[in-house]
């Protein structure tokens, strides 16, 4: 009886032993930094006198003062609205192209399937900073091959870094950086569908377009929902593209996105406490947005009543 109890105890403890490293890493690199950020967001520096000498600057409890300042900051609202417009333009184009490429690659006879798949995925493998620098040099009027060709043809040369164009230029960078990743997820989901379903549809006289619209896309809805949620989270946290392009134009401010404002407050204005409060608000907004979207689509995508 004792031997059986020991063996049962080992079987019960085994899953926790395998989970322990992941739980430890999650605690060290996720929970503790988030907890420290939340603690900083409730603090501020109190300056005595001229702020000179030892003890002139002390850290004190600030309550919700940092959050009040963040919520009433017009720069944060401007950056947030800009990111919402950025996402409204980016997500349909990026996910639409990913779905289109996945459906085209899943056709029965596709020439150069492997080469095409790698070519579409390759831009995602390029780090965002490097991709932004490459695109930025293509956007510069003095270096852009597009401007060179237009000049030779006697046509007007666009300035893709101007006030009215820089927004769309950054969207373009994000589109080609995210299409490949989402295409791979959708394509993998398509490959997991039984080919017998397609064969039955073809026997019934369905064309490839009808199969795509009436069979493949409905079966892909869970994968489409997942890629949409991931893309929404990444969109809210956009930072690398505008921060890199900012060095090439004066039409991008230091608070162009909320995350850029966090960076400005923390490292340029030396106000870690305001940056921490903005970070917490941004994380809460991302959480509400993603879970709100899931709640909105879960009944149709996953067949759940609630």
C-alpha atoms as a PDB file:
ATOM      1  CA  UNK A   1       0.000   0.000   0.000  1.00  0.00           C
ATOM      2  CA  UNK A   2       2.838   2.391   0.853  1.00  0.00           C
ATOM      3  CA  UNK A   3       4.622   1.651  -2.454  1.00  0.00           C
ATOM      4  CA  UNK A   4       1.406   2.381  -4.372  1.00  0.00           C
ATOM      5  CA  UNK A   5       0.982   5.683  -2.486  1.00  0.00           C
ATOM      6  CA  UNK A   6       4.572   6.734  -3.278  1.00  0.00           C
ATOM      7  CA  UNK A   7       4.119   5.918  -6.962  1.00  0.00           C
ATOM      8  CA  UNK A   8       0.835   7.841  -7.066  1.00  0.00           C
ATOM      9  CA  UNK A   9       2.545  10.807  -5.400  1.00  0.00           C
ATOM     10  CA  UNK A  10       5.318  10.743  -7.999  1.00  0.00           C
ATOM     11  CA  UNK A  11       2.797  10.664 -10.840  1.00  0.00           C
ATOM     12  CA  UNK A  12       0.953  13.596  -9.267  1.00  0.00           C
ATOM     13  CA  UNK A  13       4.130  15.635  -8.775  1.00  0.00           C
ATOM     14  CA  UNK A  14       5.601  14.927 -12.221  1.00  0.00           C
ATOM     15  CA  UNK A  15       3.504  17.491 -14.168  1.00  0.00           C
ATOM     16  CA  UNK A  16       4.364  20.209 -11.659  1.00  0.00           C
ATOM     17  CA  UNK A  17       8.059  19.381 -11.955  1.00  0.00           C
ATOM     18  CA  UNK A  18       7.886  19.838 -15.732  1.00  0.00           C
ATOM     19  CA  UNK A  19       5.930  23.083 -15.348  1.00  0.00           C
ATOM     20  CA  UNK A  20       8.235  24.532 -12.689  1.00  0.00           C
ATOM     21  CA  UNK A  21      10.876  25.988 -15.105  1.00  0.00           C
ATOM     22  CA  UNK A  22       8.205  27.702 -17.199  1.00  0.00           C
ATOM     23  CA  UNK A  23       6.464  29.063 -14.103  1.00  0.00           C
ATOM     24  CA  UNK A  24       9.790  30.300 -12.722  1.00  0.00           C
ATOM     25  CA  UNK A  25      10.739  32.069 -15.958  1.00  0.00           C
ATOM     26  CA  UNK A  26       7.253  33.560 -16.284  1.00  0.00           C
ATOM     27  CA  UNK A  27       7.462  34.883 -12.736  1.00  0.00           C
ATOM     28  CA  UNK A  28      10.950  36.328 -13.159  1.00  0.00           C
ATOM     29  CA  UNK A  29      10.514  37.930 -16.577  1.00  0.00           C
ATOM     30  CA  UNK A  30       6.774  38.747 -16.673  1.00  0.00           C
ATOM     31  CA  UNK A  31       5.104  38.939 -13.278  1.00  0.00           C
ATOM     32  CA  UNK A  32       7.927  40.654 -11.387  1.00  0.00           C
ATOM     33  CA  UNK A  33       8.569  43.343 -14.042  1.00  0.00           C
ATOM     34  CA  UNK A  34       4.833  44.026 -14.307  1.00  0.00           C
ATOM     35  CA  UNK A  35       4.546  44.221 -10.519  1.00  0.00           C
ATOM     36  CA  UNK A  36       7.536  46.566 -10.317  1.00  0.00           C
ATOM     37  CA  UNK A  37       6.068  48.768 -13.052  1.00  0.00           C
ATOM     38  CA  UNK A  38       2.760  48.937 -11.191  1.00  0.00           C
ATOM     39  CA  UNK A  39       4.628  49.893  -8.007  1.00  0.00           C
ATOM     40  CA  UNK A  40       6.577  52.633  -9.822  1.00  0.00           C
ATOM     41  CA  UNK A  41       3.335  54.017 -11.267  1.00  0.00           C
ATOM     42  CA  UNK A  42       2.192  54.805  -7.709  1.00  0.00           C
ATOM     43  CA  UNK A  43       5.356  56.725  -6.814  1.00  0.00           C
ATOM     44  CA  UNK A  44       6.843  60.122  -7.631  1.00  0.00           C
ATOM     45  CA  UNK A  45       9.880  62.221  -6.778  1.00  0.00           C
ATOM     46  CA  UNK A  46       9.455  64.976  -4.207  1.00  0.00           C
ATOM     47  CA  UNK A  47      11.956  67.820  -4.539  1.00  0.00           C
ATOM     48  CA  UNK A  48      12.911  69.962  -1.535  1.00  0.00           C
ATOM     49  CA  UNK A  49      14.270  73.425  -2.014  1.00  0.00           C
ATOM     50  CA  UNK A  50      16.454  73.746  -5.089  1.00  0.00           C
ATOM     51  CA  UNK A  51      16.739  69.987  -5.429  1.00  0.00           C
ATOM     52  CA  UNK A  52      20.458  70.054  -4.675  1.00  0.00           C
ATOM     53  CA  UNK A  53      22.373  68.037  -2.135  1.00  0.00           C
ATOM     54  CA  UNK A  54      21.806  64.730  -0.439  1.00  0.00           C
ATOM     55  CA  UNK A  55      18.202  64.008   0.446  1.00  0.00           C
ATOM     56  CA  UNK A  56      16.818  66.886  -1.626  1.00  0.00           C
ATOM     57  CA  UNK A  57      15.053  64.468  -3.953  1.00  0.00           C
ATOM     58  CA  UNK A  58      13.083  61.687  -2.319  1.00  0.00           C
ATOM     59  CA  UNK A  59      10.683  59.105  -3.707  1.00  0.00           C
ATOM     60  CA  UNK A  60       7.229  59.266  -2.122  1.00  0.00           C
ATOM     61  CA  UNK A  61       3.834  57.666  -2.597  1.00  0.00           C
ATOM     62  CA  UNK A  62       1.798  59.464  -5.283  1.00  0.00           C
ATOM     63  CA  UNK A  63      -1.415  57.437  -5.305  1.00  0.00           C
ATOM     64  CA  UNK A  64      -3.217  57.715  -8.635  1.00  0.00           C
ATOM     65  CA  UNK A  65      -1.695  61.071  -9.535  1.00  0.00           C
ATOM     66  CA  UNK A  66       0.444  59.598 -12.340  1.00  0.00           C
ATOM     67  CA  UNK A  67      -2.612  57.917 -13.829  1.00  0.00           C
ATOM     68  CA  UNK A  68      -4.580  61.178 -13.671  1.00  0.00           C
ATOM     69  CA  UNK A  69      -1.783  62.984 -15.491  1.00  0.00           C
ATOM     70  CA  UNK A  70      -1.586  60.251 -18.122  1.00  0.00           C
ATOM     71  CA  UNK A  71      -5.332  60.147 -18.759  1.00  0.00           C
ATOM     72  CA  UNK A  72      -5.539  63.925 -19.149  1.00  0.00           C
ATOM     73  CA  UNK A  73      -2.455  64.139 -21.390  1.00  0.00           C
ATOM     74  CA  UNK A  74      -3.495  65.317 -24.864  1.00  0.00           C
ATOM     75  CA  UNK A  75      -0.339  63.828 -26.414  1.00  0.00           C
ATOM     76  CA  UNK A  76      -1.310  60.362 -25.207  1.00  0.00           C
ATOM     77  CA  UNK A  77      -4.812  60.743 -26.639  1.00  0.00           C
ATOM     78  CA  UNK A  78      -3.443  61.970 -29.970  1.00  0.00           C
ATOM     79  CA  UNK A  79      -1.043  59.043 -30.163  1.00  0.00           C
ATOM     80  CA  UNK A  80      -3.777  56.590 -29.169  1.00  0.00           C
ATOM     81  CA  UNK A  81      -6.185  57.844 -31.823  1.00  0.00           C
ATOM     82  CA  UNK A  82      -3.396  57.699 -34.388  1.00  0.00           C
ATOM     83  CA  UNK A  83      -2.693  54.078 -33.479  1.00  0.00           C
ATOM     84  CA  UNK A  84      -6.393  53.214 -33.791  1.00  0.00           C
ATOM     85  CA  UNK A  85      -6.439  54.704 -37.298  1.00  0.00           C
ATOM     86  CA  UNK A  86      -3.194  52.881 -38.033  1.00  0.00           C
ATOM     87  CA  UNK A  87      -4.729  49.570 -36.967  1.00  0.00           C
ATOM     88  CA  UNK A  88      -7.987  50.203 -38.848  1.00  0.00           C
ATOM     89  CA  UNK A  89      -5.979  50.565 -42.062  1.00  0.00           C
ATOM     90  CA  UNK A  90      -3.291  47.962 -41.367  1.00  0.00           C
ATOM     91  CA  UNK A  91      -5.253  44.958 -40.092  1.00  0.00           C
ATOM     92  CA  UNK A  92      -7.699  44.464 -43.004  1.00  0.00           C
ATOM     93  CA  UNK A  93      -4.962  44.832 -45.625  1.00  0.00           C
ATOM     94  CA  UNK A  94      -2.399  42.679 -43.830  1.00  0.00           C
ATOM     95  CA  UNK A  95      -4.775  39.873 -42.864  1.00  0.00           C
ATOM     96  CA  UNK A  96      -6.536  40.034 -46.232  1.00  0.00           C
ATOM     97  CA  UNK A  97      -3.249  39.549 -48.079  1.00  0.00           C
ATOM     98  CA  UNK A  98      -2.226  36.762 -45.676  1.00  0.00           C
ATOM     99  CA  UNK A  99      -5.515  34.951 -46.309  1.00  0.00           C
ATOM    100  CA  UNK A 100      -5.233  35.457 -50.082  1.00  0.00           C
ATOM    101  CA  UNK A 101      -1.674  34.097 -50.218  1.00  0.00           C
ATOM    102  CA  UNK A 102      -2.587  31.139 -47.992  1.00  0.00           C
ATOM    103  CA  UNK A 103      -5.518  30.213 -50.239  1.00  0.00           C
ATOM    104  CA  UNK A 104      -3.410  30.554 -53.389  1.00  0.00           C
ATOM    105  CA  UNK A 105      -0.636  28.367 -51.971  1.00  0.00           C
ATOM    106  CA  UNK A 106      -3.175  25.729 -50.902  1.00  0.00           C
ATOM    107  CA  UNK A 107      -4.470  25.182 -54.423  1.00  0.00           C
ATOM    108  CA  UNK A 108      -3.945  21.651 -55.851  1.00  0.00           C
ATOM    109  CA  UNK A 109      -1.373  22.696 -58.462  1.00  0.00           C
ATOM    110  CA  UNK A 110       0.874  25.632 -57.589  1.00  0.00           C
ATOM    111  CA  UNK A 111       4.154  26.285 -59.359  1.00  0.00           C
ATOM    112  CA  UNK A 112       7.121  27.101 -57.111  1.00  0.00           C
ATOM    113  CA  UNK A 113       5.043  26.538 -53.972  1.00  0.00           C
ATOM    114  CA  UNK A 114       8.023  26.272 -51.608  1.00  0.00           C
ATOM    115  CA  UNK A 115       9.836  29.263 -53.141  1.00  0.00           C
ATOM    116  CA  UNK A 116       6.675  31.370 -52.953  1.00  0.00           C
ATOM    117  CA  UNK A 117       6.041  30.406 -49.340  1.00  0.00           C
ATOM    118  CA  UNK A 118       9.576  31.332 -48.298  1.00  0.00           C
ATOM    119  CA  UNK A 119       9.492  34.568 -50.285  1.00  0.00           C
ATOM    120  CA  UNK A 120       6.282  35.711 -48.617  1.00  0.00           C
ATOM    121  CA  UNK A 121       7.526  34.755 -45.161  1.00  0.00           C
ATOM    122  CA  UNK A 122      11.022  36.241 -45.574  1.00  0.00           C
ATOM    123  CA  UNK A 123      10.123  39.903 -44.797  1.00  0.00           C
ATOM    124  CA  UNK A 124       8.871  38.777 -41.373  1.00  0.00           C
ATOM    125  CA  UNK A 125      12.288  37.284 -40.622  1.00  0.00           C
ATOM    126  CA  UNK A 126      13.931  40.692 -41.093  1.00  0.00           C
ATOM    127  CA  UNK A 127      14.019  42.635 -37.774  1.00  0.00           C
ATOM    128  CA  UNK A 128      11.626  45.585 -37.714  1.00  0.00           C
ATOM    129  CA  UNK A 129      14.396  48.139 -37.199  1.00  0.00           C
ATOM    130  CA  UNK A 130      16.388  46.899 -40.198  1.00  0.00           C
ATOM    131  CA  UNK A 131      13.282  46.687 -42.384  1.00  0.00           C
ATOM    132  CA  UNK A 132      12.317  50.225 -41.360  1.00  0.00           C
ATOM    133  CA  UNK A 133      15.777  51.498 -42.242  1.00  0.00           C
ATOM    134  CA  UNK A 134      15.650  49.824 -45.665  1.00  0.00           C
ATOM    135  CA  UNK A 135      12.209  51.215 -46.396  1.00  0.00           C
ATOM    136  CA  UNK A 136      13.254  54.594 -45.031  1.00  0.00           C
ATOM    137  CA  UNK A 137      16.083  54.891 -47.533  1.00  0.00           C
ATOM    138  CA  UNK A 138      13.655  53.909 -50.297  1.00  0.00           C
ATOM    139  CA  UNK A 139      11.344  56.679 -49.109  1.00  0.00           C
ATOM    140  CA  UNK A 140      14.023  59.397 -49.125  1.00  0.00           C
ATOM    141  CA  UNK A 141      13.450  61.586 -52.211  1.00  0.00           C
ATOM    142  CA  UNK A 142      17.179  61.854 -52.940  1.00  0.00           C
ATOM    143  CA  UNK A 143      17.712  58.067 -52.808  1.00  0.00           C
ATOM    144  CA  UNK A 144      14.385  56.537 -53.828  1.00  0.00           C
ATOM    145  CA  UNK A 145      14.513  54.549 -57.096  1.00  0.00           C
ATOM    146  CA  UNK A 146      10.825  55.402 -57.570  1.00  0.00           C
ATOM    147  CA  UNK A 147      11.628  59.122 -57.578  1.00  0.00           C
ATOM    148  CA  UNK A 148      14.539  58.523 -59.950  1.00  0.00           C
ATOM    149  CA  UNK A 149      12.327  56.731 -62.481  1.00  0.00           C
ATOM    150  CA  UNK A 150       9.591  59.355 -62.195  1.00  0.00           C
ATOM    151  CA  UNK A 151      12.133  62.126 -62.666  1.00  0.00           C
ATOM    152  CA  UNK A 152      13.453  60.470 -65.834  1.00  0.00           C
ATOM    153  CA  UNK A 153       9.904  60.232 -67.127  1.00  0.00           C
ATOM    154  CA  UNK A 154       9.231  63.874 -66.310  1.00  0.00           C
ATOM    155  CA  UNK A 155       6.531  63.008 -63.800  1.00  0.00           C
ATOM    156  CA  UNK A 156       6.046  64.655 -60.376  1.00  0.00           C
ATOM    157  CA  UNK A 157       8.075  63.053 -57.582  1.00  0.00           C
ATOM    158  CA  UNK A 158       6.161  62.170 -54.387  1.00  0.00           C
ATOM    159  CA  UNK A 159       7.631  62.794 -50.951  1.00  0.00           C
ATOM    160  CA  UNK A 160       6.706  59.652 -49.042  1.00  0.00           C
ATOM    161  CA  UNK A 161       7.957  61.181 -45.777  1.00  0.00           C
ATOM    162  CA  UNK A 162       5.823  64.313 -45.948  1.00  0.00           C
ATOM    163  CA  UNK A 163       3.145  65.163 -43.406  1.00  0.00           C
ATOM    164  CA  UNK A 164       0.359  63.627 -45.452  1.00  0.00           C
ATOM    165  CA  UNK A 165       2.266  60.527 -46.578  1.00  0.00           C
ATOM    166  CA  UNK A 166       4.402  59.375 -43.648  1.00  0.00           C
ATOM    167  CA  UNK A 167       1.423  57.686 -41.952  1.00  0.00           C
ATOM    168  CA  UNK A 168       0.799  55.468 -44.985  1.00  0.00           C
ATOM    169  CA  UNK A 169       4.522  54.845 -45.419  1.00  0.00           C
ATOM    170  CA  UNK A 170       4.723  53.368 -41.928  1.00  0.00           C
ATOM    171  CA  UNK A 171       1.599  51.290 -42.553  1.00  0.00           C
ATOM    172  CA  UNK A 172       3.288  49.879 -45.663  1.00  0.00           C
ATOM    173  CA  UNK A 173       6.314  48.764 -43.628  1.00  0.00           C
ATOM    174  CA  UNK A 174       4.086  46.971 -41.115  1.00  0.00           C
ATOM    175  CA  UNK A 175       2.020  45.295 -43.827  1.00  0.00           C
ATOM    176  CA  UNK A 176       4.920  43.488 -45.455  1.00  0.00           C
ATOM    177  CA  UNK A 177       6.443  42.708 -42.081  1.00  0.00           C
ATOM    178  CA  UNK A 178       3.304  40.943 -40.840  1.00  0.00           C
ATOM    179  CA  UNK A 179       1.805  39.270 -43.917  1.00  0.00           C
ATOM    180  CA  UNK A 180       4.297  36.388 -43.907  1.00  0.00           C
ATOM    181  CA  UNK A 181       3.751  35.385 -40.265  1.00  0.00           C
ATOM    182  CA  UNK A 182      -0.045  35.407 -40.559  1.00  0.00           C
ATOM    183  CA  UNK A 183       0.098  33.626 -43.926  1.00  0.00           C
ATOM    184  CA  UNK A 184       2.080  30.758 -42.375  1.00  0.00           C
ATOM    185  CA  UNK A 185      -0.496  30.344 -39.584  1.00  0.00           C
ATOM    186  CA  UNK A 186      -3.424  30.325 -42.021  1.00  0.00           C
ATOM    187  CA  UNK A 187      -1.623  28.081 -44.497  1.00  0.00           C
ATOM    188  CA  UNK A 188      -0.755  25.583 -41.753  1.00  0.00           C
ATOM    189  CA  UNK A 189      -4.401  25.532 -40.675  1.00  0.00           C
ATOM    190  CA  UNK A 190      -5.446  24.858 -44.261  1.00  0.00           C
ATOM    191  CA  UNK A 191      -3.020  21.958 -44.566  1.00  0.00           C
ATOM    192  CA  UNK A 192      -4.566  20.409 -41.446  1.00  0.00           C
ATOM    193  CA  UNK A 193      -7.999  20.150 -43.112  1.00  0.00           C
ATOM    194  CA  UNK A 194      -8.776  16.715 -44.521  1.00  0.00           C
ATOM    195  CA  UNK A 195      -8.381  16.606 -48.343  1.00  0.00           C
ATOM    196  CA  UNK A 196     -11.441  14.345 -48.507  1.00  0.00           C
ATOM    197  CA  UNK A 197     -13.652  17.377 -47.859  1.00  0.00           C
ATOM    198  CA  UNK A 198     -12.281  19.098 -50.954  1.00  0.00           C
ATOM    199  CA  UNK A 199     -12.593  15.942 -53.063  1.00  0.00           C
ATOM    200  CA  UNK A 200     -16.239  15.566 -52.079  1.00  0.00           C
ATOM    201  CA  UNK A 201     -16.888  19.182 -53.031  1.00  0.00           C
ATOM    202  CA  UNK A 202     -15.179  18.734 -56.408  1.00  0.00           C
ATOM    203  CA  UNK A 203     -17.275  15.631 -57.108  1.00  0.00           C
ATOM    204  CA  UNK A 204     -20.363  17.722 -56.394  1.00  0.00           C
ATOM    205  CA  UNK A 205     -19.196  20.196 -59.035  1.00  0.00           C
ATOM    206  CA  UNK A 206     -17.719  22.964 -56.875  1.00  0.00           C
ATOM    207  CA  UNK A 207     -15.032  25.132 -58.421  1.00  0.00           C
ATOM    208  CA  UNK A 208     -11.838  26.074 -56.586  1.00  0.00           C
ATOM    209  CA  UNK A 209     -13.285  29.529 -55.887  1.00  0.00           C
ATOM    210  CA  UNK A 210     -16.442  28.033 -54.391  1.00  0.00           C
ATOM    211  CA  UNK A 211     -14.367  25.648 -52.280  1.00  0.00           C
ATOM    212  CA  UNK A 212     -12.311  28.570 -50.987  1.00  0.00           C
ATOM    213  CA  UNK A 213     -15.319  30.745 -50.175  1.00  0.00           C
ATOM    214  CA  UNK A 214     -17.707  28.098 -48.831  1.00  0.00           C
ATOM    215  CA  UNK A 215     -15.381  25.551 -47.219  1.00  0.00           C
ATOM    216  CA  UNK A 216     -11.870  26.836 -46.576  1.00  0.00           C
ATOM    217  CA  UNK A 217     -12.639  30.293 -45.219  1.00  0.00           C
ATOM    218  CA  UNK A 218     -15.418  29.113 -42.814  1.00  0.00           C
ATOM    219  CA  UNK A 219     -13.077  26.394 -41.483  1.00  0.00           C
ATOM    220  CA  UNK A 220     -10.327  29.012 -41.102  1.00  0.00           C
ATOM    221  CA  UNK A 221     -12.371  31.344 -38.893  1.00  0.00           C
ATOM    222  CA  UNK A 222     -10.732  30.201 -35.603  1.00  0.00           C
ATOM    223  CA  UNK A 223      -7.261  30.753 -37.126  1.00  0.00           C
ATOM    224  CA  UNK A 224      -8.351  34.115 -38.543  1.00  0.00           C
ATOM    225  CA  UNK A 225      -9.606  35.159 -35.113  1.00  0.00           C
ATOM    226  CA  UNK A 226      -6.305  34.119 -33.516  1.00  0.00           C
ATOM    227  CA  UNK A 227      -4.184  36.021 -36.056  1.00  0.00           C
ATOM    228  CA  UNK A 228      -6.439  39.057 -35.659  1.00  0.00           C
ATOM    229  CA  UNK A 229      -5.981  39.088 -31.885  1.00  0.00           C
ATOM    230  CA  UNK A 230      -2.201  38.730 -32.181  1.00  0.00           C
ATOM    231  CA  UNK A 231      -2.101  41.479 -34.814  1.00  0.00           C
ATOM    232  CA  UNK A 232      -4.216  43.807 -32.667  1.00  0.00           C
ATOM    233  CA  UNK A 233      -1.838  43.377 -29.739  1.00  0.00           C
ATOM    234  CA  UNK A 234       1.207  44.067 -31.919  1.00  0.00           C
ATOM    235  CA  UNK A 235      -0.512  47.077 -33.505  1.00  0.00           C
ATOM    236  CA  UNK A 236      -1.234  48.743 -30.172  1.00  0.00           C
ATOM    237  CA  UNK A 237       2.446  48.291 -29.282  1.00  0.00           C
ATOM    238  CA  UNK A 238       3.815  49.764 -32.532  1.00  0.00           C
ATOM    239  CA  UNK A 239       7.179  51.386 -31.840  1.00  0.00           C
ATOM    240  CA  UNK A 240      10.108  50.282 -33.994  1.00  0.00           C
ATOM    241  CA  UNK A 241       8.828  51.483 -37.375  1.00  0.00           C
ATOM    242  CA  UNK A 242       7.952  55.105 -36.478  1.00  0.00           C
ATOM    243  CA  UNK A 243      10.914  55.390 -34.110  1.00  0.00           C
ATOM    244  CA  UNK A 244      13.327  54.389 -36.876  1.00  0.00           C
ATOM    245  CA  UNK A 245      11.690  56.521 -39.579  1.00  0.00           C
ATOM    246  CA  UNK A 246      11.704  59.491 -37.176  1.00  0.00           C
ATOM    247  CA  UNK A 247      15.434  59.954 -37.789  1.00  0.00           C
ATOM    248  CA  UNK A 248      14.701  60.580 -41.479  1.00  0.00           C
ATOM    249  CA  UNK A 249      11.860  63.084 -41.190  1.00  0.00           C
ATOM    250  CA  UNK A 250      10.584  65.826 -38.913  1.00  0.00           C
ATOM    251  CA  UNK A 251       6.962  64.788 -39.419  1.00  0.00           C
ATOM    252  CA  UNK A 252       7.029  62.160 -36.675  1.00  0.00           C
ATOM    253  CA  UNK A 253       7.001  63.498 -33.128  1.00  0.00           C
ATOM    254  CA  UNK A 254       8.467  61.821 -30.060  1.00  0.00           C
ATOM    255  CA  UNK A 255       4.916  60.941 -28.934  1.00  0.00           C
ATOM    256  CA  UNK A 256       3.633  59.719 -32.298  1.00  0.00           C
ATOM    257  CA  UNK A 257       2.447  56.498 -30.629  1.00  0.00           C
ATOM    258  CA  UNK A 258       1.711  55.753 -26.946  1.00  0.00           C
ATOM    259  CA  UNK A 259       4.741  53.483 -26.682  1.00  0.00           C
ATOM    260  CA  UNK A 260       6.963  56.227 -28.093  1.00  0.00           C
ATOM    261  CA  UNK A 261       5.595  58.519 -25.398  1.00  0.00           C
ATOM    262  CA  UNK A 262       6.507  55.929 -22.767  1.00  0.00           C
ATOM    263  CA  UNK A 263      10.038  55.854 -24.172  1.00  0.00           C
ATOM    264  CA  UNK A 264      10.222  59.672 -24.211  1.00  0.00           C
ATOM    265  CA  UNK A 265       8.997  59.991 -20.628  1.00  0.00           C
ATOM    266  CA  UNK A 266      11.312  57.284 -19.306  1.00  0.00           C
ATOM    267  CA  UNK A 267      14.576  58.052 -21.097  1.00  0.00           C
ATOM    268  CA  UNK A 268      14.345  61.653 -22.360  1.00  0.00           C
ATOM    269  CA  UNK A 269      12.248  63.342 -19.661  1.00  0.00           C
ATOM    270  CA  UNK A 270      13.648  61.047 -16.917  1.00  0.00           C
ATOM    271  CA  UNK A 271      10.160  60.455 -15.492  1.00  0.00           C
ATOM    272  CA  UNK A 272       9.961  56.715 -14.927  1.00  0.00           C
ATOM    273  CA  UNK A 273       6.849  57.089 -12.821  1.00  0.00           C
ATOM    274  CA  UNK A 274       4.751  58.715 -15.559  1.00  0.00           C
ATOM    275  CA  UNK A 275       6.114  56.191 -18.062  1.00  0.00           C
ATOM    276  CA  UNK A 276       5.138  53.328 -15.746  1.00  0.00           C
ATOM    277  CA  UNK A 277       1.580  54.651 -15.365  1.00  0.00           C
ATOM    278  CA  UNK A 278       1.203  55.038 -19.132  1.00  0.00           C
ATOM    279  CA  UNK A 279       2.561  51.511 -19.622  1.00  0.00           C
ATOM    280  CA  UNK A 280      -0.015  50.070 -17.234  1.00  0.00           C
ATOM    281  CA  UNK A 281      -2.831  51.965 -18.981  1.00  0.00           C
ATOM    282  CA  UNK A 282      -1.586  50.734 -22.355  1.00  0.00           C
ATOM    283  CA  UNK A 283      -1.468  47.147 -21.093  1.00  0.00           C
ATOM    284  CA  UNK A 284      -5.009  47.406 -19.698  1.00  0.00           C
ATOM    285  CA  UNK A 285      -6.277  48.874 -22.969  1.00  0.00           C
ATOM    286  CA  UNK A 286      -4.651  46.028 -24.917  1.00  0.00           C
ATOM    287  CA  UNK A 287      -6.216  43.481 -22.564  1.00  0.00           C
ATOM    288  CA  UNK A 288      -9.683  45.013 -22.847  1.00  0.00           C
ATOM    289  CA  UNK A 289      -9.411  45.353 -26.629  1.00  0.00           C
ATOM    290  CA  UNK A 290      -8.290  41.770 -27.240  1.00  0.00           C
ATOM    291  CA  UNK A 291     -10.755  40.168 -24.818  1.00  0.00           C
ATOM    292  CA  UNK A 292     -13.542  42.425 -26.053  1.00  0.00           C
ATOM    293  CA  UNK A 293     -12.883  41.285 -29.605  1.00  0.00           C
ATOM    294  CA  UNK A 294     -12.851  37.640 -28.517  1.00  0.00           C
ATOM    295  CA  UNK A 295     -16.145  38.072 -26.701  1.00  0.00           C
ATOM    296  CA  UNK A 296     -17.601  39.683 -29.799  1.00  0.00           C
ATOM    297  CA  UNK A 297     -16.637  36.879 -32.170  1.00  0.00           C
ATOM    298  CA  UNK A 298     -16.557  33.794 -29.950  1.00  0.00           C
ATOM    299  CA  UNK A 299     -20.140  32.694 -30.626  1.00  0.00           C
ATOM    300  CA  UNK A 300     -19.755  32.839 -34.400  1.00  0.00           C
ATOM    301  CA  UNK A 301     -16.136  31.626 -34.576  1.00  0.00           C
ATOM    302  CA  UNK A 302     -16.209  28.906 -31.945  1.00  0.00           C
ATOM    303  CA  UNK A 303     -19.893  28.086 -31.637  1.00  0.00           C
ATOM    304  CA  UNK A 304     -20.070  29.191 -27.999  1.00  0.00           C
ATOM    305  CA  UNK A 305     -23.151  30.739 -26.469  1.00  0.00           C
ATOM    306  CA  UNK A 306     -21.187  32.805 -23.965  1.00  0.00           C
END
